[in-house]
Structures are given as C-alpha cells and as structure tokens.
Amino acid sequence: VFQELGTSECYFINGTERVRYVERYIYNRQTYAMFDSDVGHYVGFTPYGEFNAKRANSDPEWMEDVRAAVDTYCRYNYDLDAPFSVERR
C-alpha cells in the first residue's frame, strides 16, 4: 500500500503577532518536500523532493501565492479558530 499526503499547518505565537505557515509533502511516512514561511522557499529532502522544490521555487507566480498563504489562510482564519483553540481551557 502506498500513501501520499500533503498537509498545511499554521503556527500562532502570541496571537497573530508571529505566524508561521508550513506545507509538507509526504510519501510513505517520509517527508520529501516542505515549504516553511520562515525560510521562504521549498526544501527537498529526497531526490524527487529536490526536483519538485527546484521546480516550484523557479515559478515566481506560484511562490508569490505560497508566501502570501500566511495572510490568506492563517491570519484570515485566526478569528474563526480562536474560540475553539485559544480561548478554550
């Protein structure tokens, strides 16, 4: 059985003061490529991941979208998620 998975995660530190967006691409429990908004580009961990990271990093329109994901997905949805995650104790 083969499994491929892509995940997107938002990390909030002190509300929306510091926000980190991370995309991971996983094949059979091994991360082969990753985008981290703190780094600002894709990083490949396997030959296949390096190939895809190089291809994505060379596309300026794609990279503009991914870099803007911090605002588009994370900060935008913070108000929706906060009552269920932050204010709940």
Protein backbone atom coordinates (compact mmCIF):
# COMPACT_ATOMS: atom_id res chain seq x y z
CA VAL A 1 0.00 0.00 0.00
CA PHE A 2 1.38 3.42 -0.98
CA GLN A 3 0.27 6.63 0.65
CA GLU A 4 0.81 10.24 -0.43
CA LEU A 5 -0.19 13.13 1.77
CA GLY A 6 0.04 16.90 1.68
CA THR A 7 -0.55 18.95 4.83
CA SER A 8 -0.75 22.66 5.59
CA GLU A 9 -0.27 23.94 9.11
CA CYS A 10 -0.41 27.33 10.78
CA TYR A 11 1.54 28.04 13.96
CA PHE A 12 0.49 31.06 16.02
CA ILE A 13 2.79 32.58 18.60
CA ASN A 14 1.28 35.34 20.74
CA GLY A 15 -1.93 35.63 18.72
CA THR A 16 -1.25 36.83 15.20
CA GLU A 17 1.90 38.70 16.16
CA ARG A 18 4.09 35.85 14.90
CA VAL A 19 2.58 33.41 12.41
CA ARG A 20 4.32 30.54 10.63
CA TYR A 21 2.88 28.63 7.66
CA VAL A 22 4.23 25.16 6.83
CA GLU A 23 3.35 22.87 3.91
CA ARG A 24 4.62 19.28 3.99
CA TYR A 25 4.52 16.67 1.25
CA ILE A 26 4.79 13.10 2.50
CA TYR A 27 5.11 9.77 0.71
CA ASN A 28 5.01 6.55 2.74
CA ARG A 29 5.61 8.40 6.03
CA GLN A 30 8.69 10.21 4.68
CA THR A 31 8.62 13.97 4.11
CA TYR A 32 10.06 14.58 0.67
CA ALA A 33 9.45 18.33 0.34
CA MET A 34 8.46 21.18 2.60
CA PHE A 35 7.70 24.89 2.46
CA ASP A 36 8.24 26.98 5.58
CA SER A 37 7.26 30.65 5.56
CA ASP A 38 10.21 31.42 7.85
CA VAL A 39 12.59 30.02 5.22
CA GLY A 40 10.62 31.46 2.28
CA HIS A 41 11.12 28.67 -0.25
CA TYR A 42 10.64 24.93 -0.76
CA VAL A 43 13.23 22.48 0.53
CA GLY A 44 13.56 18.93 -0.81
CA PHE A 45 14.66 16.01 1.36
CA THR A 46 14.83 13.28 -1.30
CA PRO A 47 15.90 13.39 -4.97
CA TYR A 48 12.24 13.55 -6.00
CA GLY A 49 11.57 16.26 -3.42
CA GLU A 50 14.59 18.28 -4.55
CA PHE A 51 13.34 18.10 -8.14
CA ASN A 52 9.88 19.35 -7.14
CA ALA A 53 11.28 22.02 -4.81
CA LYS A 54 13.52 23.38 -7.57
CA ARG A 55 10.60 23.44 -9.99
CA ALA A 56 8.31 25.24 -7.52
CA ASN A 57 10.98 27.73 -6.44
CA SER A 58 11.62 28.71 -10.06
CA ASP A 59 7.97 29.70 -10.64
CA PRO A 60 7.61 33.30 -9.37
CA GLU A 61 3.80 33.34 -9.58
CA TRP A 62 3.49 30.12 -7.54
CA MET A 63 5.97 31.35 -4.94
CA GLU A 64 4.10 34.64 -4.56
CA ASP A 65 0.91 32.69 -3.78
CA VAL A 66 2.62 30.37 -1.31
CA ARG A 67 4.39 33.21 0.50
CA ALA A 68 1.07 35.05 0.80
CA ALA A 69 -0.55 31.97 2.38
CA VAL A 70 0.40 33.24 5.85
CA ASP A 71 -2.05 36.10 5.39
CA THR A 72 -4.52 34.31 3.10
CA TYR A 73 -5.05 31.21 5.25
CA CYS A 74 -3.56 31.66 8.69
CA ARG A 75 -4.26 35.24 9.73
CA TYR A 76 -7.57 35.33 7.86
CA ASN A 77 -8.91 32.24 9.66
CA TYR A 78 -7.48 33.05 13.09
CA ASP A 79 -10.70 34.75 14.23
CA LEU A 80 -12.69 31.66 13.23
CA ASP A 81 -10.39 29.21 15.02
CA ALA A 82 -9.57 31.22 18.15
CA PRO A 83 -12.80 30.48 20.09
CA PHE A 84 -12.21 26.72 19.68
CA SER A 85 -8.47 26.57 20.16
CA VAL A 86 -7.11 29.61 22.00
CA GLU A 87 -9.92 30.60 24.35
CA ARG A 88 -10.77 27.04 25.36
CA ARG A 89 -9.05 25.83 28.51
